[in-house]
Amino acid sequence: MGATIAGWQASQETSYSYHNFVGSRPERLWLVIPFTLQKAGALTFAADFALRVAVNGRDVGDALKLDANGNSFYVDLTELVHYGLVPETGNTIQLDLRHLGQNEFMGPFLLYPPEALSADWATEPTKPGEVEGGVVYTSLIPPGPPRYRKGGAPPKITHASVTGNVTLTQSSQLHVHIDQPPDALQRVLYTHSGFPWMGIVTLAYDAALACWIAQVKPGARAAIQENELIYVWAVGRDGLQSDYYPVKVGWDFAG
């Protein structure tokens, strides 16, 4: 079955993304190189980074796979690494990236096969000085201002609702009322899974309606993932954040 799944991964005949198949091949050793959603959403995502991966000094070439939907690159390392406990059979992985902006890189990680398949792999820690220029992560993203503070006055969502059901072809509109004026807020957002896919949407203030609004758009029927609720929140000018406010959204498959 592994060979069949590998063929699906390389095929352009399926709508599934590369990452959909990684979990179906747990016997493989995977290198995952993730990036932030904002960077991965750029049309020039792959070209911007000019990412190069070398394993034990050899470029992995076509084994490096871009999954734009998963905001990540993947490499199947299973046939590219040395195995065993002999020190000289250790492995090195080198990543070279260009044009990397602040807070765009989330740090690579490995997905190991189950323990029964990896019991003979080297487990001794690398000795000091054996790796040149090792990267030490102290903080991926510098801490921002506090979102909650005792005695603070964060915004409060007083009411939020949609104007109707979402159909397979028609959007519904989200209306959000907040206890603070628009100029006291940085932004108002809602998060969802399946409208039309997973994402965070920014609302705009409508002076005529005296509330914040956004369209809740339909997605493909196959992409619906238990989407009864979306969640709204607001961020004040001082960075303080409201509680998350659930909004029930109905689906009308006949529409």
C-alpha atoms as a PDB file:
ATOM      1  CA  MET A   1       0.000   0.000   0.000  1.00  0.00           C
ATOM      2  CA  GLY A   2       2.914   2.349   0.676  1.00  0.00           C
ATOM      3  CA  ALA A   3       3.893   2.389  -2.984  1.00  0.00           C
ATOM      4  CA  THR A   4       0.311   3.188  -3.985  1.00  0.00           C
ATOM      5  CA  ILE A   5       0.122   6.103  -1.546  1.00  0.00           C
ATOM      6  CA  ALA A   6       3.509   7.376  -2.755  1.00  0.00           C
ATOM      7  CA  GLY A   7       2.080   7.384  -6.274  1.00  0.00           C
ATOM      8  CA  TRP A   8      -0.901   9.412  -5.135  1.00  0.00           C
ATOM      9  CA  GLN A   9       1.452  11.918  -3.516  1.00  0.00           C
ATOM     10  CA  ALA A  10       3.279  12.461  -6.799  1.00  0.00           C
ATOM     11  CA  SER A  11       0.117  12.488  -8.921  1.00  0.00           C
ATOM     12  CA  GLN A  12      -1.638  15.621 -10.122  1.00  0.00           C
ATOM     13  CA  GLU A  13      -4.893  13.693 -10.575  1.00  0.00           C
ATOM     14  CA  THR A  14      -6.105  14.154  -7.013  1.00  0.00           C
ATOM     15  CA  SER A  15      -7.301  17.275  -5.215  1.00  0.00           C
ATOM     16  CA  TYR A  16      -5.566  16.217  -1.991  1.00  0.00           C
ATOM     17  CA  SER A  17      -2.462  18.045  -0.826  1.00  0.00           C
ATOM     18  CA  TYR A  18       0.898  16.419  -0.163  1.00  0.00           C
ATOM     19  CA  HIS A  19       0.478  16.589   3.610  1.00  0.00           C
ATOM     20  CA  ASN A  20      -2.734  14.544   3.428  1.00  0.00           C
ATOM     21  CA  PHE A  21      -0.638  11.477   2.611  1.00  0.00           C
ATOM     22  CA  VAL A  22       2.207  11.939   5.093  1.00  0.00           C
ATOM     23  CA  GLY A  23       0.191  10.571   7.994  1.00  0.00           C
ATOM     24  CA  SER A  24      -0.770   7.584   5.842  1.00  0.00           C
ATOM     25  CA  ARG A  25       2.886   6.551   5.616  1.00  0.00           C
ATOM     26  CA  PRO A  26       3.967   6.393   9.275  1.00  0.00           C
ATOM     27  CA  GLU A  27       6.768   3.953   8.451  1.00  0.00           C
ATOM     28  CA  ARG A  28       8.708   6.767   6.740  1.00  0.00           C
ATOM     29  CA  LEU A  29      11.025   9.370   8.292  1.00  0.00           C
ATOM     30  CA  TRP A  30       9.729  12.843   7.373  1.00  0.00           C
ATOM     31  CA  LEU A  31      11.354  16.256   7.589  1.00  0.00           C
ATOM     32  CA  VAL A  32       8.745  19.014   7.836  1.00  0.00           C
ATOM     33  CA  ILE A  33       9.739  22.646   7.215  1.00  0.00           C
ATOM     34  CA  PRO A  34       6.790  24.927   8.112  1.00  0.00           C
ATOM     35  CA  PHE A  35       6.277  28.638   7.527  1.00  0.00           C
ATOM     36  CA  THR A  36       3.769  31.174   8.748  1.00  0.00           C
ATOM     37  CA  LEU A  37       0.409  31.328   7.056  1.00  0.00           C
ATOM     38  CA  GLN A  38       1.006  34.925   5.964  1.00  0.00           C
ATOM     39  CA  LYS A  39       4.209  34.049   4.099  1.00  0.00           C
ATOM     40  CA  ALA A  40       2.915  30.807   2.667  1.00  0.00           C
ATOM     41  CA  GLY A  41      -0.101  32.632   1.284  1.00  0.00           C
ATOM     42  CA  ALA A  42       2.079  34.729  -1.020  1.00  0.00           C
ATOM     43  CA  LEU A  43       1.950  33.831  -4.700  1.00  0.00           C
ATOM     44  CA  THR A  44       5.757  33.756  -4.815  1.00  0.00           C
ATOM     45  CA  PHE A  45       6.071  31.551  -1.719  1.00  0.00           C
ATOM     46  CA  ALA A  46       8.450  28.912  -3.142  1.00  0.00           C
ATOM     47  CA  ALA A  47      10.502  31.344  -5.243  1.00  0.00           C
ATOM     48  CA  ASP A  48      10.921  33.822  -2.381  1.00  0.00           C
ATOM     49  CA  PHE A  49      12.704  31.367  -0.151  1.00  0.00           C
ATOM     50  CA  ALA A  50      14.761  29.495  -2.746  1.00  0.00           C
ATOM     51  CA  LEU A  51      14.926  26.750  -0.115  1.00  0.00           C
ATOM     52  CA  ARG A  52      17.719  24.204  -0.413  1.00  0.00           C
ATOM     53  CA  VAL A  53      18.003  21.097   1.760  1.00  0.00           C
ATOM     54  CA  ALA A  54      21.106  18.905   1.961  1.00  0.00           C
ATOM     55  CA  VAL A  55      21.335  15.619   3.865  1.00  0.00           C
ATOM     56  CA  ASN A  56      24.840  14.445   4.683  1.00  0.00           C
ATOM     57  CA  GLY A  57      26.221  16.976   2.225  1.00  0.00           C
ATOM     58  CA  ARG A  58      24.013  15.949  -0.707  1.00  0.00           C
ATOM     59  CA  ASP A  59      21.218  18.085  -2.123  1.00  0.00           C
ATOM     60  CA  VAL A  60      17.879  16.276  -1.793  1.00  0.00           C
ATOM     61  CA  GLY A  61      16.761  17.587  -5.197  1.00  0.00           C
ATOM     62  CA  ASP A  62      13.265  16.540  -6.207  1.00  0.00           C
ATOM     63  CA  ALA A  63      12.693  14.866  -2.839  1.00  0.00           C
ATOM     64  CA  LEU A  64      11.883  18.355  -1.504  1.00  0.00           C
ATOM     65  CA  LYS A  65       8.128  18.800  -1.933  1.00  0.00           C
ATOM     66  CA  LEU A  66       6.178  22.025  -1.515  1.00  0.00           C
ATOM     67  CA  ASP A  67       2.716  21.793   0.008  1.00  0.00           C
ATOM     68  CA  ALA A  68       1.388  25.329  -0.344  1.00  0.00           C
ATOM     69  CA  ASN A  69      -1.945  24.366   1.243  1.00  0.00           C
ATOM     70  CA  GLY A  70      -0.091  23.088   4.296  1.00  0.00           C
ATOM     71  CA  ASN A  71       2.298  26.069   4.366  1.00  0.00           C
ATOM     72  CA  SER A  72       5.218  23.653   4.483  1.00  0.00           C
ATOM     73  CA  PHE A  73       7.911  21.782   2.616  1.00  0.00           C
ATOM     74  CA  TYR A  74       8.340  18.025   3.103  1.00  0.00           C
ATOM     75  CA  VAL A  75      11.238  15.640   2.551  1.00  0.00           C
ATOM     76  CA  ASP A  76      11.053  11.862   2.830  1.00  0.00           C
ATOM     77  CA  LEU A  77      14.385  11.155   4.535  1.00  0.00           C
ATOM     78  CA  THR A  78      13.966   7.404   4.872  1.00  0.00           C
ATOM     79  CA  GLU A  79      16.382   6.467   2.094  1.00  0.00           C
ATOM     80  CA  LEU A  80      18.662   9.488   2.573  1.00  0.00           C
ATOM     81  CA  VAL A  81      20.019   8.961   6.077  1.00  0.00           C
ATOM     82  CA  HIS A  82      22.455   6.564   7.718  1.00  0.00           C
ATOM     83  CA  TYR A  83      21.254   4.144  10.382  1.00  0.00           C
ATOM     84  CA  GLY A  84      22.992   2.554  13.342  1.00  0.00           C
ATOM     85  CA  LEU A  85      24.855   3.504  16.482  1.00  0.00           C
ATOM     86  CA  VAL A  86      28.332   3.858  14.945  1.00  0.00           C
ATOM     87  CA  PRO A  87      29.436   7.501  15.413  1.00  0.00           C
ATOM     88  CA  GLU A  88      30.706   7.885  11.840  1.00  0.00           C
ATOM     89  CA  THR A  89      27.244   7.068  10.515  1.00  0.00           C
ATOM     90  CA  GLY A  90      25.680  10.143  12.088  1.00  0.00           C
ATOM     91  CA  ASN A  91      23.513  12.438   9.980  1.00  0.00           C
ATOM     92  CA  THR A  92      23.520  16.144   9.222  1.00  0.00           C
ATOM     93  CA  ILE A  93      20.708  18.177   7.695  1.00  0.00           C
ATOM     94  CA  GLN A  94      21.435  21.621   6.296  1.00  0.00           C
ATOM     95  CA  LEU A  95      18.817  24.187   5.320  1.00  0.00           C
ATOM     96  CA  ASP A  96      19.603  27.242   3.196  1.00  0.00           C
ATOM     97  CA  LEU A  97      16.935  29.927   2.789  1.00  0.00           C
ATOM     98  CA  ARG A  98      16.993  33.318   1.121  1.00  0.00           C
ATOM     99  CA  HIS A  99      14.908  36.427   1.733  1.00  0.00           C
ATOM    100  CA  LEU A 100      13.648  35.159   5.082  1.00  0.00           C
ATOM    101  CA  GLY A 101      11.682  37.856   6.871  1.00  0.00           C
ATOM    102  CA  GLN A 102      11.093  38.262  10.586  1.00  0.00           C
ATOM    103  CA  ASN A 103       8.767  35.678  12.140  1.00  0.00           C
ATOM    104  CA  GLU A 104       8.182  33.860   8.831  1.00  0.00           C
ATOM    105  CA  PHE A 105       9.948  30.604   9.741  1.00  0.00           C
ATOM    106  CA  MET A 106       8.419  28.272  12.321  1.00  0.00           C
ATOM    107  CA  GLY A 107      11.319  25.825  12.690  1.00  0.00           C
ATOM    108  CA  PRO A 108      11.813  22.371  11.119  1.00  0.00           C
ATOM    109  CA  PHE A 109      10.951  19.103  12.821  1.00  0.00           C
ATOM    110  CA  LEU A 110      11.085  15.365  12.195  1.00  0.00           C
ATOM    111  CA  LEU A 111       8.259  12.841  12.151  1.00  0.00           C
ATOM    112  CA  TYR A 112       9.782   9.530  13.235  1.00  0.00           C
ATOM    113  CA  PRO A 113       8.428   6.058  12.474  1.00  0.00           C
ATOM    114  CA  PRO A 114       6.980   4.140  15.435  1.00  0.00           C
ATOM    115  CA  GLU A 115       9.428   3.010  18.103  1.00  0.00           C
ATOM    116  CA  ALA A 116       9.509  -0.581  16.866  1.00  0.00           C
ATOM    117  CA  LEU A 117      10.987   0.609  13.576  1.00  0.00           C
ATOM    118  CA  SER A 118      13.467   3.059  15.087  1.00  0.00           C
ATOM    119  CA  ALA A 119      14.784   1.178  18.135  1.00  0.00           C
ATOM    120  CA  ASP A 120      18.235   0.745  16.561  1.00  0.00           C
ATOM    121  CA  TRP A 121      18.718   4.398  15.640  1.00  0.00           C
ATOM    122  CA  ALA A 122      21.329   6.507  17.375  1.00  0.00           C
ATOM    123  CA  THR A 123      19.967   8.108  20.519  1.00  0.00           C
ATOM    124  CA  GLU A 124      23.165   9.563  22.001  1.00  0.00           C
ATOM    125  CA  PRO A 125      23.135  13.384  22.185  1.00  0.00           C
ATOM    126  CA  THR A 126      25.492  15.269  19.899  1.00  0.00           C
ATOM    127  CA  LYS A 127      28.694  16.221  21.695  1.00  0.00           C
ATOM    128  CA  PRO A 128      29.669  19.907  21.964  1.00  0.00           C
ATOM    129  CA  GLY A 129      31.689  21.051  18.973  1.00  0.00           C
ATOM    130  CA  GLU A 130      30.557  18.258  16.652  1.00  0.00           C
ATOM    131  CA  VAL A 131      28.166  20.548  14.771  1.00  0.00           C
ATOM    132  CA  GLU A 132      29.241  23.954  13.517  1.00  0.00           C
ATOM    133  CA  GLY A 133      26.853  26.862  13.742  1.00  0.00           C
ATOM    134  CA  GLY A 134      24.024  24.947  15.377  1.00  0.00           C
ATOM    135  CA  VAL A 135      20.816  26.953  15.659  1.00  0.00           C
ATOM    136  CA  VAL A 136      19.449  27.447  19.155  1.00  0.00           C
ATOM    137  CA  TYR A 137      15.851  28.654  19.330  1.00  0.00           C
ATOM    138  CA  THR A 138      15.192  30.859  22.319  1.00  0.00           C
ATOM    139  CA  SER A 139      11.946  32.439  21.101  1.00  0.00           C
ATOM    140  CA  LEU A 140      10.338  31.956  17.707  1.00  0.00           C
ATOM    141  CA  ILE A 141       8.282  35.131  18.006  1.00  0.00           C
ATOM    142  CA  PRO A 142       9.078  37.975  20.425  1.00  0.00           C
ATOM    143  CA  PRO A 143       6.296  38.310  23.011  1.00  0.00           C
ATOM    144  CA  GLY A 144       3.795  41.011  22.213  1.00  0.00           C
ATOM    145  CA  PRO A 145       1.785  43.178  24.609  1.00  0.00           C
ATOM    146  CA  PRO A 146      -0.440  41.310  27.089  1.00  0.00           C
ATOM    147  CA  ARG A 147      -3.852  40.350  25.743  1.00  0.00           C
ATOM    148  CA  TYR A 148      -5.375  40.152  29.213  1.00  0.00           C
ATOM    149  CA  ARG A 149      -4.580  42.338  32.221  1.00  0.00           C
ATOM    150  CA  LYS A 150      -6.151  42.487  35.658  1.00  0.00           C
ATOM    151  CA  GLY A 151      -7.991  45.752  36.072  1.00  0.00           C
ATOM    152  CA  GLY A 152      -7.905  46.455  32.333  1.00  0.00           C
ATOM    153  CA  ALA A 153     -10.872  47.362  30.170  1.00  0.00           C
ATOM    154  CA  PRO A 154     -10.839  45.022  27.159  1.00  0.00           C
ATOM    155  CA  PRO A 155     -13.552  45.329  24.513  1.00  0.00           C
ATOM    156  CA  LYS A 156     -16.691  43.274  25.044  1.00  0.00           C
ATOM    157  CA  ILE A 157     -18.828  41.803  22.301  1.00  0.00           C
ATOM    158  CA  THR A 158     -22.417  42.524  23.303  1.00  0.00           C
ATOM    159  CA  HIS A 159     -24.097  40.683  20.430  1.00  0.00           C
ATOM    160  CA  ALA A 160     -23.145  38.841  17.251  1.00  0.00           C
ATOM    161  CA  SER A 161     -25.239  36.943  14.723  1.00  0.00           C
ATOM    162  CA  VAL A 162     -25.584  36.113  11.048  1.00  0.00           C
ATOM    163  CA  THR A 163     -28.391  37.356   8.853  1.00  0.00           C
ATOM    164  CA  GLY A 164     -29.319  33.905   7.550  1.00  0.00           C
ATOM    165  CA  ASN A 165     -28.133  30.457   6.609  1.00  0.00           C
ATOM    166  CA  VAL A 166     -25.148  29.871   4.365  1.00  0.00           C
ATOM    167  CA  THR A 167     -26.120  27.964   1.232  1.00  0.00           C
ATOM    168  CA  LEU A 168     -23.939  26.168  -1.282  1.00  0.00           C
ATOM    169  CA  THR A 169     -23.923  29.321  -3.427  1.00  0.00           C
ATOM    170  CA  GLN A 170     -24.888  32.276  -1.202  1.00  0.00           C
ATOM    171  CA  SER A 171     -23.041  33.988   1.648  1.00  0.00           C
ATOM    172  CA  SER A 172     -24.492  35.185   4.914  1.00  0.00           C
ATOM    173  CA  GLN A 173     -23.472  38.401   6.641  1.00  0.00           C
ATOM    174  CA  LEU A 174     -22.028  38.508  10.145  1.00  0.00           C
ATOM    175  CA  HIS A 175     -23.033  41.464  12.358  1.00  0.00           C
ATOM    176  CA  VAL A 176     -21.028  42.174  15.515  1.00  0.00           C
ATOM    177  CA  HIS A 177     -21.804  44.791  18.179  1.00  0.00           C
ATOM    178  CA  ILE A 178     -19.076  45.888  20.607  1.00  0.00           C
ATOM    179  CA  ASP A 179     -19.191  48.085  23.701  1.00  0.00           C
ATOM    180  CA  GLN A 180     -16.386  50.355  22.474  1.00  0.00           C
ATOM    181  CA  PRO A 181     -16.335  52.810  19.537  1.00  0.00           C
ATOM    182  CA  PRO A 182     -14.511  51.836  16.314  1.00  0.00           C
ATOM    183  CA  ASP A 183     -11.585  54.191  16.962  1.00  0.00           C
ATOM    184  CA  ALA A 184     -10.891  52.389  20.261  1.00  0.00           C
ATOM    185  CA  LEU A 185     -10.308  49.072  18.461  1.00  0.00           C
ATOM    186  CA  GLN A 186      -7.354  47.711  16.491  1.00  0.00           C
ATOM    187  CA  ARG A 187      -9.357  45.034  14.727  1.00  0.00           C
ATOM    188  CA  VAL A 188     -12.285  42.636  14.936  1.00  0.00           C
ATOM    189  CA  LEU A 189     -11.945  39.120  13.557  1.00  0.00           C
ATOM    190  CA  TYR A 190     -13.654  35.786  13.289  1.00  0.00           C
ATOM    191  CA  THR A 191     -12.138  32.353  12.894  1.00  0.00           C
ATOM    192  CA  HIS A 192     -13.704  29.385  11.127  1.00  0.00           C
ATOM    193  CA  SER A 193     -13.122  25.940   9.689  1.00  0.00           C
ATOM    194  CA  GLY A 194     -14.953  25.374   6.441  1.00  0.00           C
ATOM    195  CA  PHE A 195     -16.230  28.817   5.322  1.00  0.00           C
ATOM    196  CA  PRO A 196     -14.796  28.169   2.727  1.00  0.00           C
ATOM    197  CA  TRP A 197     -11.901  26.511   4.566  1.00  0.00           C
ATOM    198  CA  MET A 198      -9.832  27.123   7.685  1.00  0.00           C
ATOM    199  CA  GLY A 199      -8.999  30.787   8.221  1.00  0.00           C
ATOM    200  CA  ILE A 200      -9.224  34.079  10.100  1.00  0.00           C
ATOM    201  CA  VAL A 201     -11.320  36.879   8.595  1.00  0.00           C
ATOM    202  CA  THR A 202     -11.144  40.601   9.419  1.00  0.00           C
ATOM    203  CA  LEU A 203     -14.389  42.501   9.866  1.00  0.00           C
ATOM    204  CA  ALA A 204     -15.044  46.077   8.702  1.00  0.00           C
ATOM    205  CA  TYR A 205     -17.088  48.720  10.492  1.00  0.00           C
ATOM    206  CA  ASP A 206     -20.362  49.708   8.816  1.00  0.00           C
ATOM    207  CA  ALA A 207     -21.417  53.158  10.015  1.00  0.00           C
ATOM    208  CA  ALA A 208     -24.939  52.824   8.597  1.00  0.00           C
ATOM    209  CA  LEU A 209     -25.557  49.588  10.510  1.00  0.00           C
ATOM    210  CA  ALA A 210     -23.489  50.776  13.505  1.00  0.00           C
ATOM    211  CA  CYS A 211     -21.760  47.431  13.783  1.00  0.00           C
ATOM    212  CA  TRP A 212     -18.867  45.389  12.423  1.00  0.00           C
ATOM    213  CA  ILE A 213     -19.644  43.179   9.433  1.00  0.00           C
ATOM    214  CA  ALA A 214     -18.117  40.445   7.286  1.00  0.00           C
ATOM    215  CA  GLN A 215     -19.324  37.942   4.736  1.00  0.00           C
ATOM    216  CA  VAL A 216     -19.500  34.290   5.787  1.00  0.00           C
ATOM    217  CA  LYS A 217     -18.879  32.596   2.470  1.00  0.00           C
ATOM    218  CA  PRO A 218     -19.820  29.046   1.473  1.00  0.00           C
ATOM    219  CA  GLY A 219     -17.126  26.530   0.668  1.00  0.00           C
ATOM    220  CA  ALA A 220     -17.073  23.246  -1.174  1.00  0.00           C
ATOM    221  CA  ARG A 221     -19.519  20.772   0.318  1.00  0.00           C
ATOM    222  CA  ALA A 222     -16.723  18.252   0.822  1.00  0.00           C
ATOM    223  CA  ALA A 223     -14.816  20.799   2.936  1.00  0.00           C
ATOM    224  CA  ILE A 224     -17.489  21.268   5.594  1.00  0.00           C
ATOM    225  CA  GLN A 225     -16.075  20.218   8.973  1.00  0.00           C
ATOM    226  CA  GLU A 226     -18.725  20.348  11.689  1.00  0.00           C
ATOM    227  CA  ASN A 227     -19.106  24.066  11.151  1.00  0.00           C
ATOM    228  CA  GLU A 228     -21.955  24.934  13.446  1.00  0.00           C
ATOM    229  CA  LEU A 229     -20.035  27.754  15.129  1.00  0.00           C
ATOM    230  CA  ILE A 230     -17.658  30.519  14.179  1.00  0.00           C
ATOM    231  CA  TYR A 231     -15.841  32.545  16.852  1.00  0.00           C
ATOM    232  CA  VAL A 232     -15.542  36.337  16.967  1.00  0.00           C
ATOM    233  CA  TRP A 233     -13.149  38.467  19.017  1.00  0.00           C
ATOM    234  CA  ALA A 234     -12.001  42.079  19.203  1.00  0.00           C
ATOM    235  CA  VAL A 235      -8.641  43.667  20.023  1.00  0.00           C
ATOM    236  CA  GLY A 236      -8.456  47.110  21.628  1.00  0.00           C
ATOM    237  CA  ARG A 237      -5.913  49.823  20.849  1.00  0.00           C
ATOM    238  CA  ASP A 238      -4.025  48.863  24.003  1.00  0.00           C
ATOM    239  CA  GLY A 239      -3.780  45.248  22.810  1.00  0.00           C
ATOM    240  CA  LEU A 240      -6.307  43.879  25.283  1.00  0.00           C
ATOM    241  CA  GLN A 241      -8.542  41.219  23.766  1.00  0.00           C
ATOM    242  CA  SER A 242     -12.187  40.389  24.274  1.00  0.00           C
ATOM    243  CA  ASP A 243     -13.473  36.948  25.109  1.00  0.00           C
ATOM    244  CA  TYR A 244     -14.259  34.725  22.145  1.00  0.00           C
ATOM    245  CA  TYR A 245     -17.924  34.992  21.173  1.00  0.00           C
ATOM    246  CA  PRO A 246     -19.514  31.937  19.502  1.00  0.00           C
ATOM    247  CA  VAL A 247     -21.922  32.522  16.636  1.00  0.00           C
ATOM    248  CA  LYS A 248     -24.092  29.716  15.314  1.00  0.00           C
ATOM    249  CA  VAL A 249     -24.183  29.422  11.528  1.00  0.00           C
ATOM    250  CA  GLY A 250     -26.734  27.285   9.719  1.00  0.00           C
ATOM    251  CA  TRP A 251     -26.217  25.504   6.407  1.00  0.00           C
ATOM    252  CA  ASP A 252     -28.989  25.314   3.808  1.00  0.00           C
ATOM    253  CA  PHE A 253     -28.106  22.623   1.292  1.00  0.00           C
ATOM    254  CA  ALA A 254     -31.219  23.296  -0.746  1.00  0.00           C
ATOM    255  CA  GLY A 255     -30.189  26.893  -1.464  1.00  0.00           C
END
